Protein backbone atom coordinates (compact mmCIF):
# COMPACT_ATOMS: atom_id res chain seq x y z
CA MET A 1 0.00 0.00 0.00
CA ARG A 2 2.75 2.37 0.80
CA PHE A 3 4.40 1.75 -2.53
CA PHE A 4 1.08 2.27 -4.32
CA ARG A 5 0.51 5.69 -2.63
CA GLN A 6 4.00 6.94 -3.57
CA GLY A 7 3.46 5.88 -7.19
CA LEU A 8 0.18 7.78 -7.41
CA LEU A 9 1.81 10.93 -5.94
CA GLY A 10 4.62 10.81 -8.48
CA LEU A 11 2.17 10.34 -11.32
CA PHE A 12 0.17 13.35 -10.10
CA LEU A 13 3.22 15.62 -9.95
CA LEU A 14 4.31 14.54 -13.41
CA SER A 15 0.88 15.28 -14.85
CA LEU A 16 0.83 18.73 -13.18
CA THR A 17 4.25 19.58 -14.59
CA LEU A 18 3.27 18.55 -18.10
CA GLY A 19 0.09 20.63 -17.86
CA ILE A 20 1.98 23.75 -16.78
CA LEU A 21 4.49 23.33 -19.61
CA ALA A 22 1.69 22.92 -22.11
CA TYR A 23 -0.06 26.07 -20.83
CA ALA A 24 3.17 28.08 -21.05
CA GLY A 25 3.80 26.88 -24.59
CA GLN A 26 0.28 27.77 -25.63
CA THR A 27 0.61 31.29 -24.12
CA LEU A 28 3.93 31.88 -25.89
CA ARG A 29 2.47 30.70 -29.22
CA LEU A 30 -0.49 33.02 -28.89
CA ALA A 31 1.75 36.02 -28.04
CA VAL A 32 3.99 35.36 -31.05
CA GLU A 33 1.01 35.01 -33.36
CA ALA A 34 -0.51 38.25 -32.01
CA ARG A 35 2.77 40.11 -32.49
CA MET A 36 3.18 38.79 -36.00
CA ALA A 37 -0.42 39.59 -36.84
CA ARG A 38 -0.12 43.19 -35.61
CA GLU A 39 0.26 45.71 -38.46
CA ALA A 40 3.39 47.87 -38.53
CA ARG A 41 2.50 51.46 -37.57
CA VAL A 42 4.58 54.33 -38.97
CA PRO A 43 5.13 57.14 -36.39
CA GLU A 44 3.66 60.44 -37.34
CA ARG A 45 6.34 63.07 -38.11
CA ARG A 46 5.74 66.56 -36.66
CA GLU A 47 7.84 69.74 -37.11
CA ARG A 48 9.62 70.76 -33.96
CA VAL A 49 8.69 74.20 -32.65
CA PHE A 50 11.26 76.02 -30.51
CA ALA A 51 10.28 78.36 -27.73
CA VAL A 52 12.29 81.60 -27.78
CA ARG A 53 12.29 84.86 -25.87
CA VAL A 54 11.97 87.95 -28.04
CA ILE A 55 12.40 91.69 -27.65
CA ARG A 56 11.10 94.54 -29.80
CA PRO A 57 13.81 97.28 -29.84
CA GLU A 58 13.12 100.86 -30.86
CA ALA A 59 15.39 103.45 -32.44
CA GLU A 60 16.75 105.88 -29.86
CA THR A 61 19.64 108.21 -29.08
CA VAL A 62 22.05 106.69 -26.58
CA ALA A 63 25.14 108.18 -24.92
CA PRO A 64 27.48 105.17 -24.63
CA THR A 65 29.88 104.87 -21.75
CA LEU A 66 33.46 103.62 -21.61
CA THR A 67 34.43 101.68 -18.51
CA ALA A 68 38.00 101.32 -17.26
CA PHE A 69 39.87 100.83 -14.02
CA GLY A 70 42.11 103.54 -12.59
CA ARG A 71 44.04 104.77 -9.60
CA ILE A 72 43.54 107.97 -7.61
CA GLU A 73 46.53 110.34 -7.57
CA SER A 74 47.19 113.77 -6.11
CA ARG A 75 48.24 116.60 -8.40
CA ARG A 76 50.23 118.20 -5.56
CA THR A 77 52.52 116.03 -3.48
CA LEU A 78 55.38 117.72 -1.61
CA GLU A 79 58.36 116.03 0.00
CA ILE A 80 59.08 117.78 3.30
CA ARG A 81 62.85 117.84 3.81
CA ALA A 82 65.17 119.37 6.39
CA GLN A 83 67.12 122.19 4.73
CA THR A 84 69.81 122.20 7.39
CA ALA A 85 71.28 119.64 9.76
CA GLY A 86 70.49 119.72 13.46
CA ILE A 87 68.36 118.41 16.29
CA ILE A 88 64.58 118.80 16.08
CA THR A 89 63.60 120.78 19.15
CA ASN A 90 59.91 121.22 18.44
CA LEU A 91 57.23 119.38 16.46
CA ALA A 92 53.70 120.51 15.71
CA PRO A 93 50.98 118.47 17.47
CA GLY A 94 49.55 117.49 14.10
CA PHE A 95 52.89 116.30 12.71
CA VAL A 96 51.84 112.64 12.67
CA GLU A 97 50.82 110.12 10.05
CA GLY A 98 47.53 111.32 8.59
CA GLY A 99 47.71 114.68 10.35
CA THR A 100 45.99 117.63 8.69
CA VAL A 101 47.99 120.87 8.40
CA ALA A 102 47.29 124.35 7.04
CA GLU A 103 49.35 126.44 4.67
CA GLY A 104 52.15 128.29 6.48
CA GLN A 105 51.77 126.26 9.69
CA LEU A 106 55.00 125.52 11.59
CA LEU A 107 55.61 121.79 11.36
CA ALA A 108 59.06 121.36 12.90
CA GLN A 109 61.80 123.51 14.46
CA ILE A 110 65.47 122.56 14.18
CA ASP A 111 67.80 123.85 16.92
CA PRO A 112 68.42 127.50 15.87
CA ALA A 113 71.36 128.28 18.23
CA ASP A 114 74.10 128.13 15.59
CA ALA A 115 72.01 130.03 13.06
CA GLU A 116 71.16 132.75 15.59
CA ALA A 117 74.85 133.16 16.50
CA ALA A 118 75.77 133.43 12.83
CA LEU A 119 73.04 136.04 12.39
CA ALA A 120 74.40 138.09 15.31
CA ARG A 121 77.90 138.01 13.80
CA ALA A 122 76.54 139.06 10.44
CA ARG A 123 74.75 142.02 12.01
CA THR A 124 77.95 143.07 13.80
CA ASP A 125 79.93 142.82 10.57
CA LEU A 126 77.33 144.94 8.83
CA ALA A 127 77.55 147.59 11.57
CA ASP A 128 81.35 147.67 11.17
CA ALA A 129 81.02 147.99 7.42
CA ARG A 130 78.59 150.87 7.74
CA ALA A 131 80.91 152.61 10.24
CA GLU A 132 83.80 152.21 7.83
CA GLU A 133 81.62 153.62 5.08
CA ARG A 134 80.83 156.70 7.14
CA ALA A 135 84.55 157.16 8.00
CA ALA A 136 85.48 156.86 4.33
CA ALA A 137 82.87 159.48 3.43
CA ARG A 138 84.31 161.90 6.02
CA ALA A 139 87.85 161.26 4.77
CA LEU A 140 86.71 161.96 1.23
CA ALA A 141 85.19 165.28 2.26
CA LEU A 142 88.45 166.29 4.02
CA ALA A 143 90.51 165.27 0.99
CA ARG A 144 88.34 167.44 -1.25
CA ASP A 145 88.71 170.42 1.11
CA GLU A 146 92.48 169.92 1.27
CA LEU A 147 92.71 169.79 -2.53
CA ALA A 148 90.74 173.03 -2.81
CA ALA A 149 93.09 174.74 -0.33
CA ARG A 150 96.20 173.54 -2.17
CA GLU A 151 94.78 174.69 -5.50
CA GLU A 152 94.09 178.11 -3.96
CA GLN A 153 97.69 178.29 -2.67
CA ALA A 154 98.97 177.40 -6.13
CA GLU A 155 96.90 180.25 -7.63
CA ILE A 156 98.39 182.69 -5.06
CA GLN A 157 101.94 181.57 -5.92
CA ALA A 158 101.18 181.97 -9.61
CA ARG A 159 99.97 185.56 -9.07
CA ALA A 160 103.10 186.30 -6.95
CA LEU A 161 105.34 185.08 -9.77
CA ALA A 162 103.46 187.25 -12.22
CA ARG A 163 103.99 190.35 -10.03
CA GLN A 164 107.75 189.65 -9.70
CA ARG A 165 108.07 189.36 -13.45
CA ASP A 166 106.14 192.61 -13.91
CA LEU A 167 108.45 194.37 -11.47
CA GLU A 168 111.51 192.94 -13.18
CA SER A 169 110.23 194.22 -16.54
CA ARG A 170 110.00 197.74 -15.08
CA GLY A 171 113.52 197.42 -13.62
CA VAL A 172 112.37 197.36 -10.05
CA GLY A 173 112.48 193.61 -9.26
CA THR A 174 115.43 191.26 -8.99
CA LEU A 175 116.19 187.90 -10.53
CA THR A 176 116.48 186.29 -7.10
CA ALA A 177 112.92 187.27 -6.22
CA ILE A 178 111.66 185.82 -9.49
CA GLU A 179 113.40 182.49 -8.86
CA ALA A 180 112.04 182.34 -5.34
CA ALA A 181 108.51 182.93 -6.67
CA GLU A 182 108.94 180.21 -9.30
CA TYR A 183 110.17 177.74 -6.65
CA ASN A 184 107.18 178.50 -4.44
CA LEU A 185 104.81 177.90 -7.39
CA VAL A 186 106.40 174.53 -8.13
CA GLN A 187 106.04 173.53 -4.48
CA ALA A 188 102.39 174.58 -4.50
CA ARG A 189 101.71 172.56 -7.63
CA GLN A 190 103.35 169.46 -6.10
CA ALA A 191 101.12 169.91 -3.05
CA VAL A 192 98.09 170.00 -5.37
CA LEU A 193 99.18 166.70 -6.96
CA ALA A 194 99.61 165.13 -3.52
CA SER A 195 96.14 166.32 -2.52
CA ARG A 196 94.67 164.85 -5.70
CA GLN A 197 96.33 161.54 -4.94
CA ALA A 198 94.92 161.64 -1.41
CA LEU A 199 91.48 162.41 -2.88
CA ALA A 200 91.73 159.40 -5.19
CA MET A 201 92.67 157.19 -2.27
CA ALA A 202 89.73 158.56 -0.28
CA GLU A 203 87.38 157.79 -3.17
CA THR A 204 88.80 154.26 -3.39
CA ARG A 205 88.26 153.84 0.32
CA VAL A 206 84.64 154.91 -0.11
CA ASP A 207 84.17 152.33 -2.89
CA GLN A 208 85.78 149.62 -0.79
CA ALA A 209 83.61 150.55 2.16
CA ALA A 210 80.49 150.31 -0.02
CA THR A 211 81.63 146.89 -1.28
CA ALA A 212 82.27 145.73 2.29
CA ARG A 213 78.83 146.99 3.30
CA ASP A 214 77.16 145.08 0.43
CA ARG A 215 79.11 141.95 1.35
CA ALA A 216 78.03 142.32 4.97
CA GLN A 217 74.42 142.76 3.88
CA LEU A 218 74.65 139.58 1.79
CA ALA A 219 76.12 137.74 4.75
CA LEU A 220 73.28 139.06 6.91
CA SER A 221 70.69 137.89 4.37
CA GLU A 222 72.38 134.50 4.23
CA ALA A 223 72.35 134.25 8.02
CA GLU A 224 68.67 135.22 8.11
CA ARG A 225 67.92 132.59 5.45
CA ARG A 226 69.85 129.96 7.42
CA LEU A 227 67.86 130.85 10.49
CA ALA A 228 64.60 130.67 8.54
CA GLU A 229 65.61 127.23 7.23
CA THR A 230 65.49 125.90 10.77
CA ARG A 231 61.70 126.44 10.62
CA ILE A 232 59.86 123.87 8.49
CA THR A 233 56.40 125.06 7.43
CA ALA A 234 53.58 123.64 5.31
CA GLY A 235 53.52 124.82 1.72
CA PHE A 236 49.76 124.26 1.33
CA ASN A 237 46.76 122.71 3.04
CA GLY A 238 47.04 118.94 3.06
CA THR A 239 47.57 115.69 4.90
CA LEU A 240 50.86 114.28 6.14
CA SER A 241 52.14 110.84 5.24
CA GLU A 242 55.40 108.90 5.57
CA VAL A 243 56.27 110.78 8.79
CA SER A 244 59.67 109.50 9.96
CA VAL A 245 60.88 111.81 12.77
CA VAL A 246 60.15 112.55 16.40
CA GLU A 247 61.17 115.42 18.65
CA GLY A 248 64.85 115.24 19.64
CA ARG A 249 66.04 113.38 16.58
CA LEU A 250 69.16 114.52 14.71
CA VAL A 251 68.42 115.08 11.03
CA SER A 252 70.82 115.70 8.19
CA ALA A 253 70.53 118.30 5.47
CA ASN A 254 68.04 117.41 2.72
CA GLU A 255 66.68 114.44 4.69
CA GLN A 256 63.02 113.68 3.98
CA ILE A 257 60.99 113.75 7.16
CA ALA A 258 57.45 113.51 5.73
CA ARG A 259 55.30 113.90 2.64
CA LEU A 260 52.50 116.44 2.25
CA VAL A 261 49.57 115.42 0.05
CA ASP A 262 46.89 117.81 -1.18
CA GLY A 263 43.68 115.80 -0.85
CA ARG A 264 41.62 118.42 -2.67
CA ALA A 265 43.55 118.30 -5.96
CA LEU A 266 42.88 114.72 -7.05
CA ASP A 267 43.27 113.05 -10.43
CA VAL A 268 42.34 109.59 -11.61
CA ALA A 269 44.77 107.87 -13.97
CA PHE A 270 43.33 105.12 -16.15
CA ARG A 271 44.45 103.26 -19.26
CA VAL A 272 42.30 102.72 -22.36
CA SER A 273 42.88 100.81 -25.57
CA ASN A 274 43.80 102.58 -28.79
CA ALA A 275 40.28 102.01 -30.16
CA ASP A 276 38.68 103.54 -27.06
CA TYR A 277 41.20 106.40 -27.15
CA ALA A 278 40.21 107.23 -30.73
CA ARG A 279 36.58 107.65 -29.61
CA LEU A 280 37.66 110.22 -27.01
CA LEU A 281 39.16 112.57 -29.63
CA ASP A 282 37.38 115.51 -31.22
CA GLY A 283 37.41 116.49 -34.88
CA ALA A 284 40.79 118.20 -34.53
CA GLY A 285 42.40 115.14 -32.96
CA ALA A 286 42.57 116.66 -29.47
CA LEU A 287 41.40 114.94 -26.32
CA ARG A 288 37.87 116.01 -25.40
CA PRO A 289 37.14 117.12 -21.81
CA ALA A 290 34.56 114.35 -21.48
CA PRO A 291 32.76 113.96 -18.13
CA VAL A 292 33.82 110.99 -16.01
CA THR A 293 32.36 109.25 -12.98
CA VAL A 294 34.62 107.51 -10.48
CA THR A 295 33.24 104.75 -8.25
CA LEU A 296 34.93 103.15 -5.25
CA GLU A 297 33.14 100.02 -4.10
CA SER A 298 33.73 98.62 -0.64
CA GLY A 299 31.25 95.90 0.12
CA ALA A 300 27.79 97.43 0.18
CA ALA A 301 29.17 101.00 0.28
CA ARG A 302 29.71 102.98 -2.91
CA ILE A 303 31.68 106.21 -3.06
CA THR A 304 31.33 108.24 -6.24
CA ALA A 305 32.90 111.41 -7.60
CA THR A 306 32.71 113.30 -10.87
CA GLY A 307 35.24 115.10 -12.99
CA ARG A 308 36.46 115.71 -16.53
CA ILE A 309 39.28 114.41 -18.68
CA ALA A 310 42.20 116.83 -18.38
CA ARG A 311 45.24 115.41 -20.17
CA GLU A 312 47.08 112.31 -21.35
CA ALA A 313 50.53 110.88 -20.73
CA ALA A 314 53.27 112.30 -22.96
CA ALA A 315 54.87 108.92 -23.71
CA LEU A 316 54.46 105.20 -23.14
CA ALA A 317 56.84 103.16 -21.06
CA GLU A 318 58.49 100.11 -22.56
CA GLY A 319 56.06 97.22 -22.85
CA GLU A 320 52.92 99.35 -22.35
CA SER A 321 50.04 99.65 -24.79
CA GLY A 322 47.02 101.89 -25.18
CA ARG A 323 46.93 105.37 -23.70
CA MET A 324 47.17 106.68 -20.13
CA ILE A 325 44.46 109.28 -19.49
CA PHE A 326 44.24 111.67 -16.53
CA ALA A 327 40.94 113.15 -15.36
CA ALA A 328 40.69 115.99 -12.83
CA LEU A 329 38.13 115.26 -10.13
CA ASP A 330 35.78 117.68 -8.45
CA ALA A 331 35.40 117.71 -4.69
CA ALA A 332 35.95 114.12 -3.51
CA PRO A 333 36.84 114.20 0.20
CA ALA A 334 36.15 110.47 0.67
CA LEU A 335 38.70 109.39 -1.95
CA LYS A 336 42.38 109.08 -1.14
CA PRO A 337 45.48 108.77 -3.35
CA GLY A 338 46.10 105.12 -4.09
CA ASP A 339 42.43 104.06 -4.23
CA PHE A 340 41.64 101.58 -7.02
CA VAL A 341 38.42 102.76 -8.67
CA THR A 342 36.11 102.12 -11.60
CA VAL A 343 36.07 104.95 -14.16
CA THR A 344 33.07 105.54 -16.42
CA VAL A 345 33.58 107.99 -19.30
CA GLU A 346 30.57 109.41 -21.12
CA GLU A 347 31.04 109.36 -24.90
CA PRO A 348 29.23 111.54 -27.45
CA PRO A 349 25.59 110.49 -28.04
CA LEU A 350 24.83 108.09 -30.89
CA ALA A 351 21.60 108.65 -32.82
CA ASP A 352 19.40 106.01 -34.47
CA VAL A 353 20.67 103.04 -32.49
CA ALA A 354 18.96 100.02 -30.94
CA ARG A 355 19.88 98.38 -27.66
CA LEU A 356 19.90 94.57 -27.63
CA PRO A 357 21.07 91.94 -25.16
CA ALA A 358 24.60 90.81 -25.92
CA THR A 359 23.33 87.22 -26.19
CA ALA A 360 21.15 88.21 -29.17
CA LEU A 361 24.19 88.91 -31.36
CA GLY A 362 25.74 85.86 -32.98
CA PRO A 363 29.40 85.37 -33.88
CA ASP A 364 28.47 86.03 -37.52
CA GLY A 365 27.45 89.60 -36.67
CA ALA A 366 23.74 88.94 -37.19
CA VAL A 367 20.58 88.52 -35.13
CA LEU A 368 17.53 86.29 -35.58
CA ALA A 369 14.14 87.93 -36.08
CA LEU A 370 10.63 86.50 -36.28
CA GLY A 371 9.22 86.63 -39.79
CA ALA A 372 6.14 85.37 -41.60
CA GLY A 373 4.63 82.25 -40.11
CA ASP A 374 6.67 82.65 -36.94
CA ARG A 375 9.81 81.49 -38.74
CA LEU A 376 13.26 82.88 -38.01
CA GLU A 377 15.08 85.25 -40.33
CA ARG A 378 18.74 86.26 -40.24
CA LEU A 379 19.33 90.02 -39.99
CA PRO A 380 22.89 91.37 -40.38
CA VAL A 381 23.52 94.31 -38.02
CA THR A 382 26.25 96.90 -37.51
CA LEU A 383 27.75 96.69 -34.04
CA LEU A 384 28.56 100.12 -32.59
CA ARG A 385 29.36 99.55 -28.91
CA ARG A 386 29.31 96.90 -26.23
CA GLN A 387 27.78 98.17 -23.00
CA GLY A 388 28.11 95.55 -20.28
CA ASN A 389 25.47 92.88 -20.99
CA ASP A 390 24.01 94.88 -23.90
CA VAL A 391 25.12 95.85 -27.38
CA LEU A 392 24.30 98.96 -29.40
CA VAL A 393 23.59 98.36 -33.10
CA ARG A 394 22.29 100.44 -35.97
CA ALA A 395 18.52 100.60 -35.70
CA LYS A 396 17.94 100.30 -39.45
CA GLY A 397 16.24 96.96 -40.17
CA VAL A 398 16.04 96.07 -36.48
CA ALA A 399 13.77 98.70 -34.93
CA GLY A 400 10.24 97.40 -34.48
CA ARG A 401 11.14 93.76 -35.29
CA GLU A 402 10.86 90.92 -32.80
CA ILE A 403 14.45 89.86 -32.10
CA VAL A 404 15.47 86.62 -30.39
CA THR A 405 17.23 87.56 -27.17
CA GLU A 406 19.31 84.38 -26.77
CA ARG A 407 21.16 82.67 -29.62
CA ASN A 408 22.07 78.99 -29.41
CA PRO A 409 23.39 76.45 -31.93
CA ALA A 410 19.94 74.84 -32.34
CA LEU A 411 18.40 78.03 -33.74
CA GLY A 412 18.77 79.11 -37.34
CA PRO A 413 16.96 80.76 -40.24
CA GLY A 414 13.77 79.05 -41.34
CA LEU A 415 12.96 77.32 -38.07
CA LYS A 416 9.47 77.70 -36.66
CA VAL A 417 9.33 79.15 -33.16
CA ARG A 418 6.82 80.34 -30.64
CA ARG A 419 7.16 83.45 -28.53
CA LEU A 420 7.98 82.81 -24.92
CA THR A 421 6.74 85.44 -22.52
CA PRO A 422 8.05 85.57 -18.95
CA GLU A 423 4.78 83.98 -17.71
CA ALA A 424 5.01 81.22 -20.30
CA ALA A 425 8.63 80.62 -19.43
CA ALA A 426 7.71 80.12 -15.78
CA THR A 427 4.80 77.80 -16.69
CA GLY A 428 7.00 75.82 -19.07
CA ALA A 429 9.59 75.40 -16.38
CA ARG A 430 6.96 74.07 -13.98
CA GLU A 431 5.52 71.70 -16.62
CA GLY A 432 8.98 70.47 -17.49
CA ALA A 433 9.66 69.73 -13.86
CA THR A 434 6.31 67.86 -13.57
CA ASP A 435 7.01 65.77 -16.71
CA THR A 436 10.46 64.90 -15.46
CA ALA A 437 9.05 63.78 -12.12
CA ALA A 438 6.36 61.70 -13.85
CA ARG A 439 8.89 59.93 -16.07
CA ARG A 440 11.05 59.23 -13.07
CA ASP A 441 8.07 57.75 -11.21
CA ARG A 442 7.15 55.53 -14.18
CA ARG A 443 10.71 54.22 -14.39
CA MET A 444 10.73 53.44 -10.71
CA GLY A 445 7.30 51.80 -10.91
CA GLY A 446 8.28 49.70 -13.95
């Protein structure tokens, strides 16, 4: 009995297995027949329509701007140097780094003892020279008086000789008297010559005294200048920098002790390309005084100043290109020499231009516009300026047309497109996100 039951169980399992295999074969045959009987369906071809953003530019007059980077400089920077050697005995309270000083203010005093002593000696020498000059003048007056007296004596002796000769001609005088009169006349004339020589010496003494007085006056002026050089004053209103001395320090002649910077006379120096430089010239080839705006950005803070182009560098250094331009700034108390700033130069206005996004201009110098049937057309344009993220082109042929704002390799002439407004762009983005999520869910579910 046990053997009989096991045989029946095996027969049952074999029959079940054969039935399952037969069912599977039948199902496979039916699926193959259904697949082979199905008619081949050709997919329907549809033209792809691209969604694009468009803009409708209008002709307008635009003043383009040139942007460059520059550095703030001061037109007046003075090196403060010690004109004489000595010990600094006094410093102004504001003689520190960043100190503000006024024109003519005493900044530092070098020990004036030696200069004051030299000035006293020069004054004494001048007094001696003036005394000698007065003595020479008195001696000259005496020499002139003495010469006049000697000349008068010579005239008397000449008249005495004439009388003796008259007496001798009448037989009254003697030869001895005539000779004595002649001798006296010769002596008187020699005395006149001696007086003239003394007068010449007195005049020479006067000239020498005048020369000595002038020399003493020069020495006095030199001593006064040396004394004044011990006082160091500010040449103009400004701010001190590079201060390198303290009270009591010994300085040498011509040693720089500080630098004075005029913070009110500021320039901005910036470099432009040759093409940009050409646009800054007027009809005569001279640099136009174009208005400029200087901006210093520090985080969220913005410091601005205005000015005008003043001049250009006379020459280029080796290895440099373009042109170095200098613009004089108006009042800009917040800017300091050395600041790195952004410079915006206003160029002459351009008429009949259209402003487009820079992404609308292709590398071929053309834009894509919507034509009949919402198909794209290629429009060549004339590029005038690049202004940040925009471009300025000639408005002819572009003004009033719907221009594609973003070019990409998939877009070209003849393609059909649909306008994409900002609302449609947002809706399309949401729909695209929903479709992507749905496809992802289907893949995960499959």
